[in-house]
Amino acid sequence: MADVSPNFHAPELLPHAPAADLAAVSHDGLCFWQFMAAGSVAGVIEHTAMFPVDTLKTRMQAQGGASCRPGLGVRHALVSILRQEGPLGLYRGIGAMGLGAGPAHAVYFSVYEASKEVLSRGNPNNPVAHASSGVVATVASDAVFTPMDTVKQRLQLKSSPYKGVVDCVGRVLREEGCRAFFASYRTTVVMNAPFTAVHFATYEAAKRGLVEVSPENADDERLVVHATAGAAAGALAAAVTTPLDVVKTQLQCQGVCGCDRFSSNSILEVTRTIVKRDGYAGLIRGWVPRMLFHAPAAAICWSAYESSKVFLQKHNNKNTVS
């Protein structure tokens, strides 16, 4: 990230590392593995905190009817889960999320930081580099997260036939083959590429703008700045990409709990099926909980990520001094 906080150091201001360590040290004074660690922590915290909202979104997108009406859909899904399954129903599938979110976010942030360092060419405020780096990062992380995301969403469905993560993985492998775990990968990448481009570019711009408003307090208000910029970026990116998220959910849940099964993984075919069945409103089904998820989730994620970076920077500085 283009850190405009006091923790950002231009490359020429970084302390000279021994020749053997030059390859390991990245910008912001952190190593590649430290970006992975910070991203992993941020991803697990984000998805755990917002998992109930993600369950509501999945239920609304996988099934039609009242879900096409935003306000009614959210209330209907929430009341239905609490009445029939209790509060624990909102957390069904969280084990799969935990197995996928940590590694995926580790890849996501570390690839983003590495790509940004190469593409920015010494300019930390280059929005094109931020957006491009985000796209590269999401292609890599989606390959890691998509299989567990498929398991998670199938477990989140009403009356899911699976007993848990292990049972779901085993049955999908036996009944549908390994390809079923990646049925939505192309759609996920097509969705997350613009999502990530909008997200990262908006985050960096909002963060820079917020710091410029009160530069003298930038250090004291760092956490508020990251949270506010992250929330704005998450909400905007979520709103823009909701139709593709609906297609992704349909592909991941096809043939389960009454969901339609498709003859191919074509985005166009799934889109036509949704429009024919539910009208164009079906393509924005679940946009309310999706935005309610991504705005605070992004705020939590960026805050946790930046806080982890600061912790690791202080750890590195202590080791350098000693």
Protein backbone atom coordinates (compact mmCIF):
# COMPACT_ATOMS: atom_id res chain seq x y z
CA MET A 1 0.00 0.00 0.00
CA ALA A 2 1.04 3.55 -0.55
CA ASP A 3 1.47 4.31 3.11
CA VAL A 4 1.33 8.06 3.63
CA SER A 5 1.59 7.59 7.37
CA PRO A 6 4.89 8.24 9.14
CA ASN A 7 5.61 4.51 8.88
CA PHE A 8 6.15 4.81 5.12
CA HIS A 9 9.78 5.18 4.15
CA ALA A 10 11.08 5.85 0.68
CA PRO A 11 13.45 3.10 -0.45
CA GLU A 12 16.50 5.36 -0.21
CA LEU A 13 15.72 6.08 3.45
CA LEU A 14 15.60 2.46 4.54
CA PRO A 15 18.58 1.28 6.58
CA HIS A 16 21.09 -0.63 4.54
CA ALA A 17 20.63 -4.37 5.04
CA PRO A 18 23.45 -6.87 4.73
CA ALA A 19 23.92 -8.14 1.20
CA ALA A 20 22.49 -11.55 2.11
CA ASP A 21 19.26 -9.96 3.35
CA LEU A 22 18.59 -7.58 0.46
CA ALA A 23 16.39 -10.07 -1.36
CA ALA A 24 14.33 -10.68 1.75
CA VAL A 25 13.64 -7.04 2.66
CA SER A 26 10.70 -5.40 0.93
CA HIS A 27 9.32 -1.85 1.10
CA ASP A 28 7.93 -0.56 4.42
CA GLY A 29 10.85 -2.41 6.03
CA LEU A 30 9.04 -5.77 5.97
CA CYS A 31 9.92 -9.12 4.48
CA PHE A 32 7.69 -10.99 2.05
CA TRP A 33 6.65 -13.54 4.69
CA GLN A 34 5.68 -10.73 7.06
CA PHE A 35 3.23 -9.33 4.52
CA MET A 36 1.82 -12.87 4.28
CA ALA A 37 1.47 -13.10 8.06
CA ALA A 38 -0.21 -9.69 8.32
CA GLY A 39 -2.61 -10.54 5.48
CA SER A 40 -3.49 -13.91 7.01
CA VAL A 41 -4.34 -12.34 10.37
CA ALA A 42 -6.43 -9.64 8.68
CA GLY A 43 -8.36 -12.15 6.55
CA VAL A 44 -9.30 -14.44 9.44
CA ILE A 45 -10.42 -11.52 11.64
CA GLU A 46 -12.44 -9.95 8.82
CA HIS A 47 -14.35 -13.07 7.76
CA THR A 48 -14.95 -14.34 11.28
CA ALA A 49 -16.41 -11.01 12.40
CA MET A 50 -18.71 -10.67 9.39
CA PHE A 51 -19.61 -14.32 8.78
CA PRO A 52 -23.32 -14.04 9.81
CA VAL A 53 -23.88 -11.31 7.20
CA ASP A 54 -22.16 -13.48 4.59
CA THR A 55 -24.57 -16.31 5.45
CA LEU A 56 -27.56 -14.00 4.83
CA LYS A 57 -26.10 -12.95 1.48
CA THR A 58 -25.55 -16.54 0.40
CA ARG A 59 -29.09 -17.59 1.32
CA MET A 60 -30.58 -14.65 -0.61
CA GLN A 61 -28.46 -15.17 -3.72
CA ALA A 62 -28.89 -18.93 -3.92
CA GLN A 63 -32.68 -18.88 -3.70
CA GLY A 64 -35.22 -16.65 -5.44
CA GLY A 65 -38.64 -15.41 -4.41
CA ALA A 66 -38.75 -12.81 -1.65
CA SER A 67 -34.98 -12.47 -1.84
CA CYS A 68 -35.34 -10.28 -4.91
CA ARG A 69 -36.83 -7.56 -2.70
CA PRO A 70 -33.86 -6.12 -0.74
CA GLY A 71 -35.44 -5.11 2.56
CA LEU A 72 -37.84 -8.04 2.74
CA GLY A 73 -35.10 -10.44 1.65
CA VAL A 74 -32.73 -9.52 4.49
CA ARG A 75 -35.44 -9.68 7.17
CA HIS A 76 -36.90 -12.89 5.77
CA ALA A 77 -33.50 -14.63 5.64
CA LEU A 78 -32.52 -13.52 9.14
CA VAL A 79 -35.84 -14.41 10.78
CA SER A 80 -35.96 -17.75 8.96
CA ILE A 81 -32.48 -18.77 10.13
CA LEU A 82 -33.00 -17.69 13.73
CA ARG A 83 -36.43 -19.34 13.95
CA GLN A 84 -35.54 -22.66 12.34
CA GLU A 85 -31.83 -23.08 13.15
CA GLY A 86 -31.05 -20.70 16.00
CA PRO A 87 -28.10 -18.29 16.17
CA LEU A 88 -25.62 -21.08 15.34
CA GLY A 89 -27.25 -21.36 11.91
CA LEU A 90 -25.61 -18.04 11.01
CA TYR A 91 -22.19 -19.63 11.57
CA ARG A 92 -22.63 -22.87 9.63
CA GLY A 93 -19.62 -23.26 7.33
CA ILE A 94 -17.29 -21.02 9.35
CA GLY A 95 -14.76 -23.88 9.56
CA ALA A 96 -14.35 -23.88 5.78
CA MET A 97 -13.95 -20.13 5.83
CA GLY A 98 -11.18 -20.41 8.42
CA LEU A 99 -9.30 -22.97 6.34
CA GLY A 100 -9.51 -20.83 3.21
CA ALA A 101 -9.39 -17.20 4.37
CA GLY A 102 -6.02 -17.30 6.14
CA PRO A 103 -3.94 -18.77 3.28
CA ALA A 104 -5.88 -16.82 0.62
CA HIS A 105 -5.36 -13.47 2.33
CA ALA A 106 -1.71 -14.29 2.95
CA VAL A 107 -1.28 -14.75 -0.81
CA TYR A 108 -3.53 -11.76 -1.55
CA PHE A 109 -1.63 -9.13 0.44
CA SER A 110 1.87 -10.46 -0.14
CA VAL A 111 1.38 -10.60 -3.92
CA TYR A 112 -0.22 -7.14 -3.82
CA GLU A 113 2.72 -5.64 -1.94
CA ALA A 114 5.28 -7.33 -4.19
CA SER A 115 3.44 -6.27 -7.37
CA LYS A 116 2.96 -2.72 -6.12
CA GLU A 117 6.64 -2.36 -5.36
CA VAL A 118 7.51 -3.40 -8.93
CA LEU A 119 4.74 -1.50 -10.75
CA SER A 120 4.85 1.75 -8.77
CA ARG A 121 8.45 2.43 -9.88
CA GLY A 122 9.23 4.57 -6.88
CA ASN A 123 5.94 6.51 -6.94
CA PRO A 124 3.92 5.43 -3.85
CA ASN A 125 0.82 7.36 -5.01
CA ASN A 126 0.33 5.67 -8.39
CA PRO A 127 -3.37 4.60 -8.64
CA VAL A 128 -2.77 2.54 -11.80
CA ALA A 129 -0.10 0.53 -9.98
CA HIS A 130 -2.46 0.01 -7.02
CA ALA A 131 -5.32 -1.19 -9.22
CA SER A 132 -3.09 -3.42 -11.36
CA SER A 133 -1.42 -4.93 -8.32
CA GLY A 134 -4.83 -5.65 -6.83
CA VAL A 135 -5.88 -7.54 -9.96
CA VAL A 136 -2.71 -9.65 -9.93
CA ALA A 137 -3.22 -10.38 -6.25
CA THR A 138 -6.83 -11.47 -6.64
CA VAL A 139 -6.07 -13.91 -9.48
CA ALA A 140 -3.53 -15.64 -7.23
CA SER A 141 -5.59 -15.61 -4.02
CA ASP A 142 -8.81 -16.78 -5.72
CA ALA A 143 -7.06 -19.96 -6.83
CA VAL A 144 -6.42 -20.68 -3.14
CA PHE A 145 -9.79 -19.60 -1.73
CA THR A 146 -12.32 -20.79 -4.35
CA PRO A 147 -12.44 -24.48 -3.29
CA MET A 148 -13.09 -23.64 0.38
CA ASP A 149 -15.49 -20.87 -0.63
CA THR A 150 -17.52 -23.46 -2.53
CA VAL A 151 -17.61 -25.70 0.56
CA LYS A 152 -18.52 -22.73 2.77
CA GLN A 153 -21.42 -21.65 0.61
CA ARG A 154 -22.86 -25.15 0.32
CA LEU A 155 -22.77 -25.48 4.09
CA GLN A 156 -24.50 -22.09 4.47
CA LEU A 157 -27.55 -23.17 2.45
CA LYS A 158 -30.86 -23.86 4.14
CA SER A 159 -31.24 -27.61 4.83
CA SER A 160 -27.69 -28.25 3.60
CA PRO A 161 -27.22 -32.02 3.11
CA TYR A 162 -23.63 -31.92 4.36
CA LYS A 163 -22.64 -32.68 7.95
CA GLY A 164 -19.52 -30.53 7.92
CA VAL A 165 -16.40 -29.53 6.00
CA VAL A 166 -14.92 -33.02 5.70
CA ASP A 167 -18.23 -34.58 4.66
CA CYS A 168 -18.83 -31.85 2.07
CA VAL A 169 -15.36 -32.17 0.55
CA GLY A 170 -15.62 -35.96 0.39
CA ARG A 171 -19.09 -36.04 -1.16
CA VAL A 172 -18.32 -33.36 -3.74
CA LEU A 173 -15.18 -35.24 -4.80
CA ARG A 174 -17.07 -38.54 -5.10
CA GLU A 175 -20.23 -37.21 -6.74
CA GLU A 176 -19.01 -34.29 -8.87
CA GLY A 177 -15.25 -34.55 -9.12
CA CYS A 178 -12.47 -32.07 -8.39
CA ARG A 179 -13.68 -29.65 -11.07
CA ALA A 180 -16.74 -28.81 -8.97
CA PHE A 181 -14.53 -26.95 -6.51
CA PHE A 182 -13.36 -24.64 -9.29
CA ALA A 183 -16.64 -24.29 -11.21
CA SER A 184 -16.87 -20.64 -10.17
CA TYR A 185 -13.18 -19.76 -10.45
CA ARG A 186 -13.46 -17.96 -13.78
CA THR A 187 -16.52 -16.03 -12.59
CA THR A 188 -14.78 -15.24 -9.29
CA VAL A 189 -11.75 -13.81 -11.11
CA VAL A 190 -13.94 -11.84 -13.52
CA MET A 191 -15.82 -10.45 -10.51
CA ASN A 192 -12.86 -9.86 -8.21
CA ALA A 193 -10.63 -8.23 -10.82
CA PRO A 194 -12.83 -5.09 -11.08
CA PHE A 195 -13.78 -5.44 -7.40
CA THR A 196 -10.14 -5.37 -6.35
CA ALA A 197 -9.19 -2.64 -8.81
CA VAL A 198 -11.97 -0.38 -7.50
CA HIS A 199 -11.29 -1.41 -3.90
CA PHE A 200 -7.55 -0.77 -3.83
CA ALA A 201 -7.66 2.41 -5.91
CA THR A 202 -10.50 3.81 -3.75
CA TYR A 203 -8.76 2.78 -0.53
CA GLU A 204 -5.45 4.38 -1.42
CA ALA A 205 -7.13 7.58 -2.69
CA ALA A 206 -9.44 7.85 0.34
CA LYS A 207 -6.59 7.18 2.76
CA ARG A 208 -4.42 9.82 1.10
CA GLY A 209 -7.29 12.33 1.08
CA LEU A 210 -8.14 11.74 4.73
CA VAL A 211 -4.52 12.19 5.81
CA GLU A 212 -4.19 15.41 3.81
CA VAL A 213 -7.20 16.85 5.64
CA SER A 214 -5.30 16.73 8.93
CA PRO A 215 -1.65 15.84 8.27
CA GLU A 216 -0.52 16.94 11.73
CA ASN A 217 -2.75 14.27 13.31
CA ALA A 218 -2.03 11.53 10.77
CA ASP A 219 -0.07 9.40 13.22
CA ASP A 220 -2.67 9.62 16.01
CA GLU A 221 -5.62 8.96 13.71
CA ARG A 222 -4.01 6.21 11.60
CA LEU A 223 -6.48 3.48 12.67
CA VAL A 224 -9.52 5.70 11.99
CA VAL A 225 -8.13 6.62 8.57
CA HIS A 226 -7.57 2.99 7.56
CA ALA A 227 -11.02 1.96 8.81
CA THR A 228 -12.85 4.83 7.07
CA ALA A 229 -11.00 4.43 3.78
CA GLY A 230 -11.47 0.67 3.89
CA ALA A 231 -15.21 0.96 4.52
CA ALA A 232 -15.68 3.36 1.61
CA ALA A 233 -13.64 1.15 -0.71
CA GLY A 234 -15.47 -2.03 0.33
CA ALA A 235 -18.95 -0.56 -0.08
CA LEU A 236 -18.27 0.90 -3.53
CA ALA A 237 -16.56 -2.22 -4.88
CA ALA A 238 -19.34 -4.46 -3.51
CA ALA A 239 -22.10 -2.41 -5.14
CA VAL A 240 -20.40 -2.48 -8.55
CA THR A 241 -19.82 -6.25 -8.65
CA THR A 242 -23.01 -7.69 -7.08
CA PRO A 243 -24.37 -9.23 -10.34
CA LEU A 244 -21.23 -11.32 -10.80
CA ASP A 245 -21.35 -12.35 -7.15
CA VAL A 246 -24.86 -13.70 -7.71
CA VAL A 247 -23.57 -15.73 -10.68
CA LYS A 248 -20.69 -17.05 -8.56
CA THR A 249 -23.03 -18.18 -5.78
CA GLN A 250 -25.33 -19.91 -8.26
CA LEU A 251 -22.40 -21.82 -9.76
CA GLN A 252 -21.01 -22.87 -6.38
CA CYS A 253 -24.37 -24.06 -5.06
CA GLN A 254 -25.78 -25.60 -8.24
CA GLY A 255 -27.69 -28.82 -7.74
CA VAL A 256 -27.83 -28.42 -3.94
CA CYS A 257 -30.97 -27.64 -1.90
CA GLY A 258 -33.09 -26.98 -4.97
CA CYS A 259 -30.61 -24.66 -6.72
CA ASP A 260 -30.53 -24.87 -10.52
CA ARG A 261 -27.87 -26.98 -12.20
CA PHE A 262 -26.21 -25.55 -15.31
CA SER A 263 -24.91 -27.38 -18.36
CA SER A 264 -21.73 -25.29 -18.34
CA ASN A 265 -19.90 -22.78 -16.18
CA SER A 266 -20.62 -19.98 -18.64
CA ILE A 267 -21.27 -16.61 -17.00
CA LEU A 268 -23.62 -15.72 -19.87
CA GLU A 269 -25.70 -18.88 -19.46
CA VAL A 270 -26.11 -18.40 -15.72
CA THR A 271 -26.97 -14.73 -16.20
CA ARG A 272 -29.67 -15.58 -18.75
CA THR A 273 -31.13 -18.22 -16.44
CA ILE A 274 -31.31 -15.78 -13.52
CA VAL A 275 -32.92 -13.04 -15.65
CA LYS A 276 -35.45 -15.49 -17.15
CA ARG A 277 -36.40 -16.83 -13.70
CA ASP A 278 -36.26 -13.71 -11.52
CA GLY A 279 -35.96 -10.78 -13.91
CA TYR A 280 -33.11 -8.29 -13.79
CA ALA A 281 -33.77 -7.82 -10.07
CA GLY A 282 -32.34 -11.31 -9.60
CA LEU A 283 -28.90 -10.03 -10.62
CA ILE A 284 -28.75 -7.64 -7.67
CA ARG A 285 -30.17 -10.11 -5.17
CA GLY A 286 -28.32 -9.86 -1.88
CA TRP A 287 -26.78 -6.45 -2.59
CA VAL A 288 -27.87 -5.08 0.79
CA PRO A 289 -26.11 -7.73 2.93
CA ARG A 290 -23.20 -7.74 0.46
CA MET A 291 -22.61 -4.03 1.08
CA LEU A 292 -23.29 -4.49 4.80
CA PHE A 293 -20.63 -7.19 4.72
CA HIS A 294 -17.93 -5.51 2.66
CA ALA A 295 -18.01 -2.01 4.18
CA PRO A 296 -17.24 -3.07 7.79
CA ALA A 297 -15.28 -6.12 6.61
CA ALA A 298 -12.92 -3.94 4.60
CA ALA A 299 -12.59 -1.53 7.53
CA ILE A 300 -11.74 -4.44 9.84
CA CYS A 301 -9.41 -6.06 7.32
CA TRP A 302 -7.39 -2.96 6.48
CA SER A 303 -7.18 -1.91 10.13
CA ALA A 304 -6.00 -5.37 11.17
CA TYR A 305 -3.56 -5.54 8.26
CA GLU A 306 -2.02 -2.12 8.90
CA SER A 307 -1.86 -2.81 12.66
CA SER A 308 -0.08 -6.10 11.99
CA LYS A 309 2.37 -4.30 9.71
CA VAL A 310 3.12 -1.72 12.40
CA PHE A 311 3.68 -4.51 14.95
CA LEU A 312 6.07 -6.31 12.60
CA GLN A 313 7.88 -3.06 11.76
CA LYS A 314 8.48 -2.42 15.45
CA HIS A 315 9.67 -6.01 15.84
CA ASN A 316 12.14 -5.54 12.97
CA ASN A 317 13.38 -2.25 14.39
CA LYS A 318 14.04 -3.85 17.79
CA ASN A 319 16.04 -6.63 16.14
CA THR A 320 17.99 -4.05 14.08
CA VAL A 321 18.87 -2.04 17.21
CA SER A 322 19.85 -5.11 19.19
